[in-house]
PDB file of N, CA and C in Angstrom:
ATOM      1  N   MET A   1      61.147  65.324-109.254  1.00  0.00           N
ATOM      2  CA  MET A   1      61.483  64.195-108.403  1.00  0.00           C
ATOM      3  C   MET A   1      60.227  63.351-108.175  1.00  0.00           C
ATOM      4  N   TYR A   2      60.403  62.048-108.233  1.00  0.00           N
ATOM      5  CA  TYR A   2      59.291  61.134-108.026  1.00  0.00           C
ATOM      6  C   TYR A   2      59.502  60.346-106.740  1.00  0.00           C
ATOM      7  N   TRP A   3      58.396  60.024-106.110  1.00  0.00           N
ATOM      8  CA  TRP A   3      58.414  59.161-104.939  1.00  0.00           C
ATOM      9  C   TRP A   3      57.751  57.851-105.325  1.00  0.00           C
ATOM     10  N   PHE A   4      58.171  56.771-104.654  1.00  0.00           N
ATOM     11  CA  PHE A   4      57.626  55.451-104.943  1.00  0.00           C
ATOM     12  C   PHE A   4      57.331  54.713-103.646  1.00  0.00           C
ATOM     13  N   THR A   5      56.328  53.820-103.685  1.00  0.00           N
ATOM     14  CA  THR A   5      56.057  52.955-102.537  1.00  0.00           C
ATOM     15  C   THR A   5      57.104  51.851-102.513  1.00  0.00           C
ATOM     16  N   ALA A   6      57.097  51.059-101.466  1.00  0.00           N
ATOM     17  CA  ALA A   6      58.014  49.917-101.371  1.00  0.00           C
ATOM     18  C   ALA A   6      57.765  48.934-102.503  1.00  0.00           C
ATOM     19  N   GLU A   7      56.536  48.909-103.019  1.00  0.00           N
ATOM     20  CA  GLU A   7      56.177  48.011-104.119  1.00  0.00           C
ATOM     21  C   GLU A   7      56.532  48.598-105.485  1.00  0.00           C
ATOM     22  N   GLY A   8      57.039  49.811-105.523  1.00  0.00           N
ATOM     23  CA  GLY A   8      57.435  50.430-106.780  1.00  0.00           C
ATOM     24  C   GLY A   8      56.373  51.287-107.440  1.00  0.00           C
ATOM     25  N   GLU A   9      55.257  51.505-106.760  1.00  0.00           N
ATOM     26  CA  GLU A   9      54.200  52.349-107.335  1.00  0.00           C
ATOM     27  C   GLU A   9      54.547  53.823-107.144  1.00  0.00           C
ATOM     28  N   ARG A  10      54.295  54.611-108.193  1.00  0.00           N
ATOM     29  CA  ARG A  10      54.598  56.040-108.133  1.00  0.00           C
ATOM     30  C   ARG A  10      53.659  56.758-107.172  1.00  0.00           C
ATOM     31  N   ILE A  11      54.224  57.675-106.418  1.00  0.00           N
ATOM     32  CA  ILE A  11      53.476  58.534-105.493  1.00  0.00           C
ATOM     33  C   ILE A  11      53.448  59.934-106.080  1.00  0.00           C
ATOM     34  N   LEU A  12      52.257  60.540-106.123  1.00  0.00           N
ATOM     35  CA  LEU A  12      52.081  61.863-106.703  1.00  0.00           C
ATOM     36  C   LEU A  12      51.832  62.916-105.631  1.00  0.00           C
ATOM     37  N   SER A  13      52.274  64.116-105.910  1.00  0.00           N
ATOM     38  CA  SER A  13      51.959  65.264-105.058  1.00  0.00           C
ATOM     39  C   SER A  13      50.524  65.698-105.326  1.00  0.00           C
ATOM     40  N   ALA A  14      50.010  66.570-104.479  1.00  0.00           N
ATOM     41  CA  ALA A  14      48.666  67.109-104.695  1.00  0.00           C
ATOM     42  C   ALA A  14      48.605  67.860-106.030  1.00  0.00           C
ATOM     43  N   HIS A  15      49.662  68.565-106.372  1.00  0.00           N
ATOM     44  CA  HIS A  15      49.684  69.319-107.624  1.00  0.00           C
ATOM     45  C   HIS A  15      49.648  68.376-108.827  1.00  0.00           C
ATOM     46  N   SER A  16      50.456  67.329-108.798  1.00  0.00           N
ATOM     47  CA  SER A  16      50.463  66.364-109.904  1.00  0.00           C
ATOM     48  C   SER A  16      49.111  65.663-110.040  1.00  0.00           C
ATOM     49  N   ALA A  17      48.517  65.321-108.907  1.00  0.00           N
ATOM     50  CA  ALA A  17      47.197  64.689-108.924  1.00  0.00           C
ATOM     51  C   ALA A  17      46.164  65.651-109.505  1.00  0.00           C
ATOM     52  N   ALA A  18      46.247  66.922-109.126  1.00  0.00           N
ATOM     53  CA  ALA A  18      45.309  67.926-109.627  1.00  0.00           C
ATOM     54  C   ALA A  18      45.399  68.065-111.145  1.00  0.00           C
ATOM     55  N   ILE A  19      46.604  68.062-111.677  1.00  0.00           N
ATOM     56  CA  ILE A  19      46.784  68.178-113.123  1.00  0.00           C
ATOM     57  C   ILE A  19      46.135  66.989-113.818  1.00  0.00           C
ATOM     58  N   ARG A  20      46.375  65.789-113.309  1.00  0.00           N
ATOM     59  CA  ARG A  20      45.794  64.587-113.933  1.00  0.00           C
ATOM     60  C   ARG A  20      44.277  64.577-113.864  1.00  0.00           C
ATOM     61  N   LEU A  21      43.733  65.133-112.777  1.00  0.00           N
ATOM     62  CA  LEU A  21      42.284  65.116-112.586  1.00  0.00           C
ATOM     63  C   LEU A  21      41.594  66.325-113.210  1.00  0.00           C
ATOM     64  N   GLY A  22      42.351  67.329-113.603  1.00  0.00           N
ATOM     65  CA  GLY A  22      41.769  68.523-114.211  1.00  0.00           C
ATOM     66  C   GLY A  22      41.055  69.410-113.214  1.00  0.00           C
ATOM     67  N   VAL A  23      41.562  69.424-111.984  1.00  0.00           N
ATOM     68  CA  VAL A  23      40.985  70.255-110.927  1.00  0.00           C
ATOM     69  C   VAL A  23      42.114  71.029-110.253  1.00  0.00           C
ATOM     70  N   SER A  24      41.764  71.872-109.307  1.00  0.00           N
ATOM     71  CA  SER A  24      42.775  72.651-108.599  1.00  0.00           C
ATOM     72  C   SER A  24      43.422  71.824-107.483  1.00  0.00           C
ATOM     73  N   ASP A  25      44.579  72.287-107.043  1.00  0.00           N
ATOM     74  CA  ASP A  25      45.259  71.651-105.909  1.00  0.00           C
ATOM     75  C   ASP A  25      44.348  71.665-104.683  1.00  0.00           C
ATOM     76  N   ARG A  26      43.652  72.777-104.509  1.00  0.00           N
ATOM     77  CA  ARG A  26      42.758  72.910-103.357  1.00  0.00           C
ATOM     78  C   ARG A  26      41.650  71.851-103.394  1.00  0.00           C
ATOM     79  N   THR A  27      41.102  71.593-104.573  1.00  0.00           N
ATOM     80  CA  THR A  27      40.062  70.575-104.715  1.00  0.00           C
ATOM     81  C   THR A  27      40.606  69.193-104.369  1.00  0.00           C
ATOM     82  N   VAL A  28      41.809  68.893-104.812  1.00  0.00           N
ATOM     83  CA  VAL A  28      42.426  67.599-104.499  1.00  0.00           C
ATOM     84  C   VAL A  28      42.572  67.434-102.980  1.00  0.00           C
ATOM     85  N   ARG A  29      43.048  68.469-102.318  1.00  0.00           N
ATOM     86  CA  ARG A  29      43.205  68.386-100.849  1.00  0.00           C
ATOM     87  C   ARG A  29      41.851  68.252-100.162  1.00  0.00           C
ATOM     88  N   LEU A  30      40.824  68.945-100.655  1.00  0.00           N
ATOM     89  CA  LEU A  30      39.477  68.819-100.100  1.00  0.00           C
ATOM     90  C   LEU A  30      38.968  67.391-100.279  1.00  0.00           C
ATOM     91  N   TRP A  31      39.112  66.834-101.488  1.00  0.00           N
ATOM     92  CA  TRP A  31      38.668  65.467-101.738  1.00  0.00           C
ATOM     93  C   TRP A  31      39.406  64.477-100.845  1.00  0.00           C
ATOM     94  N   ALA A  32      40.678  64.737-100.592  1.00  0.00           N
ATOM     95  CA  ALA A  32      41.450  63.843 -99.718  1.00  0.00           C
ATOM     96  C   ALA A  32      40.925  63.920 -98.282  1.00  0.00           C
ATOM     97  N   ARG A  33      40.662  65.124 -97.815  1.00  0.00           N
ATOM     98  CA  ARG A  33      40.146  65.294 -96.444  1.00  0.00           C
ATOM     99  C   ARG A  33      38.779  64.660 -96.262  1.00  0.00           C
ATOM    100  N   THR A  34      37.953  64.706 -97.298  1.00  0.00           N
ATOM    101  CA  THR A  34      36.586  64.194 -97.192  1.00  0.00           C
ATOM    102  C   THR A  34      36.452  62.737 -97.620  1.00  0.00           C
ATOM    103  N   GLY A  35      37.547  62.139 -98.100  1.00  0.00           N
ATOM    104  CA  GLY A  35      37.521  60.727 -98.472  1.00  0.00           C
ATOM    105  C   GLY A  35      37.124  60.443 -99.907  1.00  0.00           C
ATOM    106  N   ARG A  36      36.920  61.454-100.712  1.00  0.00           N
ATOM    107  CA  ARG A  36      36.563  61.230-102.124  1.00  0.00           C
ATOM    108  C   ARG A  36      37.761  60.732-102.930  1.00  0.00           C
ATOM    109  N   LEU A  37      38.965  61.094-102.488  1.00  0.00           N
ATOM    110  CA  LEU A  37      40.204  60.653-103.127  1.00  0.00           C
ATOM    111  C   LEU A  37      41.108  60.101-102.039  1.00  0.00           C
ATOM    112  N   ARG A  38      41.538  58.846-102.210  1.00  0.00           N
ATOM    113  CA  ARG A  38      42.425  58.233-101.223  1.00  0.00           C
ATOM    114  C   ARG A  38      43.801  58.875-101.292  1.00  0.00           C
ATOM    115  N   GLY A  39      44.320  59.241-100.139  1.00  0.00           N
ATOM    116  CA  GLY A  39      45.642  59.841-100.055  1.00  0.00           C
ATOM    117  C   GLY A  39      46.175  59.679 -98.650  1.00  0.00           C
ATOM    118  N   PHE A  40      47.378  60.164 -98.425  1.00  0.00           N
ATOM    119  CA  PHE A  40      47.952  60.107 -97.088  1.00  0.00           C
ATOM    120  C   PHE A  40      48.774  61.362 -96.843  1.00  0.00           C
ATOM    121  N   LYS A  41      48.897  61.697 -95.574  1.00  0.00           N
ATOM    122  CA  LYS A  41      49.628  62.902 -95.191  1.00  0.00           C
ATOM    123  C   LYS A  41      51.118  62.582 -95.091  1.00  0.00           C
ATOM    124  N   ASP A  42      51.929  63.506 -95.575  1.00  0.00           N
ATOM    125  CA  ASP A  42      53.385  63.426 -95.497  1.00  0.00           C
ATOM    126  C   ASP A  42      53.855  64.690 -94.797  1.00  0.00           C
ATOM    127  N   GLY A  43      53.390  64.846 -93.580  1.00  0.00           N
ATOM    128  CA  GLY A  43      53.637  66.067 -92.829  1.00  0.00           C
ATOM    129  C   GLY A  43      52.310  66.720 -92.506  1.00  0.00           C
ATOM    130  N   PRO A  44      52.348  67.817 -91.784  1.00  0.00           N
ATOM    131  CA  PRO A  44      51.090  68.438 -91.340  1.00  0.00           C
ATOM    132  C   PRO A  44      50.214  68.988 -92.465  1.00  0.00           C
ATOM    133  N   LYS A  45      50.810  69.398 -93.583  1.00  0.00           N
ATOM    134  CA  LYS A  45      50.020  70.021 -94.647  1.00  0.00           C
ATOM    135  C   LYS A  45      50.225  69.387 -96.019  1.00  0.00           C
ATOM    136  N   ILE A  46      51.044  68.381 -96.120  1.00  0.00           N
ATOM    137  CA  ILE A  46      51.392  67.808 -97.423  1.00  0.00           C
ATOM    138  C   ILE A  46      50.652  66.501 -97.652  1.00  0.00           C
ATOM    139  N   TRP A  47      49.936  66.444 -98.765  1.00  0.00           N
ATOM    140  CA  TRP A  47      49.224  65.239 -99.165  1.00  0.00           C
ATOM    141  C   TRP A  47      49.986  64.546-100.274  1.00  0.00           C
ATOM    142  N   ARG A  48      49.943  63.213-100.260  1.00  0.00           N
ATOM    143  CA  ARG A  48      50.517  62.386-101.322  1.00  0.00           C
ATOM    144  C   ARG A  48      49.460  61.382-101.762  1.00  0.00           C
ATOM    145  N   PHE A  49      49.567  60.937-103.014  1.00  0.00           N
ATOM    146  CA  PHE A  49      48.554  60.056-103.587  1.00  0.00           C
ATOM    147  C   PHE A  49      49.220  58.968-104.416  1.00  0.00           C
ATOM    148  N   ARG A  50      48.727  57.733-104.272  1.00  0.00           N
ATOM    149  CA  ARG A  50      49.195  56.649-105.129  1.00  0.00           C
ATOM    150  C   ARG A  50      48.662  56.905-106.535  1.00  0.00           C
ATOM    151  N   GLU A  51      49.489  56.642-107.514  1.00  0.00           N
ATOM    152  CA  GLU A  51      49.095  56.870-108.896  1.00  0.00           C
ATOM    153  C   GLU A  51      47.839  56.070-109.259  1.00  0.00           C
ATOM    154  N   THR A  52      47.725  54.843-108.763  1.00  0.00           N
ATOM    155  CA  THR A  52      46.547  54.029-109.089  1.00  0.00           C
ATOM    156  C   THR A  52      45.270  54.621-108.497  1.00  0.00           C
ATOM    157  N   ASP A  53      45.363  55.234-107.315  1.00  0.00           N
ATOM    158  CA  ASP A  53      44.184  55.865-106.717  1.00  0.00           C
ATOM    159  C   ASP A  53      43.753  57.091-107.522  1.00  0.00           C
ATOM    160  N   VAL A  54      44.719  57.850-108.022  1.00  0.00           N
ATOM    161  CA  VAL A  54      44.406  59.027-108.834  1.00  0.00           C
ATOM    162  C   VAL A  54      43.778  58.591-110.163  1.00  0.00           C
ATOM    163  N   GLU A  55      44.320  57.554-110.774  1.00  0.00           N
ATOM    164  CA  GLU A  55      43.763  57.075-112.038  1.00  0.00           C
ATOM    165  C   GLU A  55      42.357  56.514-111.849  1.00  0.00           C
ATOM    166  N   ALA A  56      42.120  55.845-110.727  1.00  0.00           N
ATOM    167  CA  ALA A  56      40.771  55.340-110.439  1.00  0.00           C
ATOM    168  C   ALA A  56      39.792  56.502-110.271  1.00  0.00           C
ATOM    169  N   ALA A  57      40.234  57.550-109.588  1.00  0.00           N
ATOM    170  CA  ALA A  57      39.382  58.733-109.410  1.00  0.00           C
ATOM    171  C   ALA A  57      39.125  59.408-110.753  1.00  0.00           C
ATOM    172  N   ARG A  58      40.132  59.439-111.610  1.00  0.00           N
ATOM    173  CA  ARG A  58      39.967  60.051-112.938  1.00  0.00           C
ATOM    174  C   ARG A  58      38.938  59.284-113.766  1.00  0.00           C
ATOM    175  N   ALA A  59      38.985  57.967-113.703  1.00  0.00           N
ATOM    176  CA  ALA A  59      38.004  57.148-114.432  1.00  0.00           C
ATOM    177  C   ALA A  59      36.610  57.360-113.865  1.00  0.00           C
ATOM    178  N   ARG A  60      36.513  57.464-112.547  1.00  0.00           N
ATOM    179  CA  ARG A  60      35.216  57.690-111.901  1.00  0.00           C
ATOM    180  C   ARG A  60      34.656  59.055-112.296  1.00  0.00           C
ATOM    181  N   LEU A  61      35.512  60.065-112.320  1.00  0.00           N
ATOM    182  CA  LEU A  61      35.065  61.408-112.715  1.00  0.00           C
ATOM    183  C   LEU A  61      34.580  61.417-114.161  1.00  0.00           C
ATOM    184  N   ALA A  62      35.285  60.728-115.035  1.00  0.00           N
ATOM    185  CA  ALA A  62      34.897  60.683-116.444  1.00  0.00           C
ATOM    186  C   ALA A  62      33.521  60.050-116.601  1.00  0.00           C
ATOM    187  N   SER A  63      33.221  59.041-115.803  1.00  0.00           N
ATOM    188  CA  SER A  63      31.914  58.383-115.918  1.00  0.00           C
ATOM    189  C   SER A  63      30.804  59.207-115.274  1.00  0.00           C
ATOM    190  N   GLU A  64      31.155  60.102-114.356  1.00  0.00           N
ATOM    191  CA  GLU A  64      30.149  60.940-113.683  1.00  0.00           C
ATOM    192  C   GLU A  64      29.796  62.184-114.485  1.00  0.00           C
ATOM    193  N   ARG A  65      30.662  62.608-115.390  1.00  0.00           N
ATOM    194  CA  ARG A  65      30.413  63.838-116.145  1.00  0.00           C
ATOM    195  C   ARG A  65      29.254  63.649-117.103  1.00  0.00           C
ATOM    196  N   PRO A  66      28.389  64.639-117.202  1.00  0.00           N
ATOM    197  CA  PRO A  66      27.250  64.536-118.120  1.00  0.00           C
ATOM    198  C   PRO A  66      27.725  64.321-119.545  1.00  0.00           C
ATOM    199  N   GLY A  67      27.090  63.381-120.226  1.00  0.00           N
ATOM    200  CA  GLY A  67      27.422  63.110-121.613  1.00  0.00           C
ATOM    201  C   GLY A  67      28.696  62.324-121.803  1.00  0.00           C
ATOM    202  N   ALA A  68      29.241  61.729-120.735  1.00  0.00           N
ATOM    203  CA  ALA A  68      30.499  61.001-120.843  1.00  0.00           C
ATOM    204  C   ALA A  68      30.413  59.877-121.849  1.00  0.00           C
ATOM    205  N   GLY A  69      29.281  59.223-121.950  1.00  0.00           N
ATOM    206  CA  GLY A  69      29.127  58.129-122.897  1.00  0.00           C
ATOM    207  C   GLY A  69      28.729  58.582-124.288  1.00  0.00           C
ATOM    208  N   ASP A  70      28.434  59.890-124.456  1.00  0.00           N
ATOM    209  CA  ASP A  70      27.960  60.403-125.742  1.00  0.00           C
ATOM    210  C   ASP A  70      29.029  61.125-126.533  1.00  0.00           C
ATOM    211  N   ALA A  71      30.252  61.145-126.038  1.00  0.00           N
ATOM    212  CA  ALA A  71      31.310  61.935-126.679  1.00  0.00           C
ATOM    213  C   ALA A  71      31.504  61.516-128.130  1.00  0.00           C
ATOM    214  N   GLY A  72      31.385  62.466-129.014  1.00  0.00           N
ATOM    215  CA  GLY A  72      31.652  62.246-130.428  1.00  0.00           C
ATOM    216  C   GLY A  72      30.559  61.542-131.196  1.00  0.00           C
ATOM    217  N   GLU A  73      29.469  61.187-130.586  1.00  0.00           N
ATOM    218  CA  GLU A  73      28.434  60.439-131.306  1.00  0.00           C
ATOM    219  C   GLU A  73      27.724  61.288-132.351  1.00  0.00           C
ATOM    220  N   GLY A  74      27.612  62.581-132.152  1.00  0.00           N
ATOM    221  CA  GLY A  74      26.879  63.439-133.067  1.00  0.00           C
ATOM    222  C   GLY A  74      27.411  63.406-134.473  1.00  0.00           C
ATOM    223  N   SER A  75      28.725  63.288-134.640  1.00  0.00           N
ATOM    224  CA  SER A  75      29.307  63.299-135.965  1.00  0.00           C
ATOM    225  C   SER A  75      29.059  62.001-136.713  1.00  0.00           C
ATOM    226  N   HIS A  76      28.701  60.925-136.042  1.00  0.00           N
ATOM    227  CA  HIS A  76      28.476  59.640-136.673  1.00  0.00           C
ATOM    228  C   HIS A  76      27.023  59.446-137.121  1.00  0.00           C
ATOM    229  N   HIS A  77      26.119  60.306-136.695  1.00  0.00           N
ATOM    230  CA  HIS A  77      24.691  60.111-136.993  1.00  0.00           C
ATOM    231  C   HIS A  77      24.124  61.252-137.806  1.00  0.00           C
ATOM    232  N   ASP A  78      24.923  61.854-138.655  1.00  0.00           N
ATOM    233  CA  ASP A  78      24.474  63.005-139.428  1.00  0.00           C
ATOM    234  C   ASP A  78      23.667  62.620-140.658  1.00  0.00           C
ATOM    235  N   SER A  79      23.716  61.405-141.121  1.00  0.00           N
ATOM    236  CA  SER A  79      23.028  61.045-142.360  1.00  0.00           C
ATOM    237  C   SER A  79      21.579  60.724-142.170  1.00  0.00           C
TER     238      SER A  79
END
């Protein structure tokens, strides 16, 4: 089941966000509590995330990872 904002944007669960980000559900909830990932509460323990916020976080994580800009370059400079 999918949730959507009034504007039609998909809303993701903490689990779905975790899968997209390649981290655990617990990490997603921690990032939400600390402000590293924008989200909102849907009850006392349930977090929800806009798909665009999760994708922005995914792009940010990719740029922060060591060697993010060097992926695959080794095979092109073998000669």
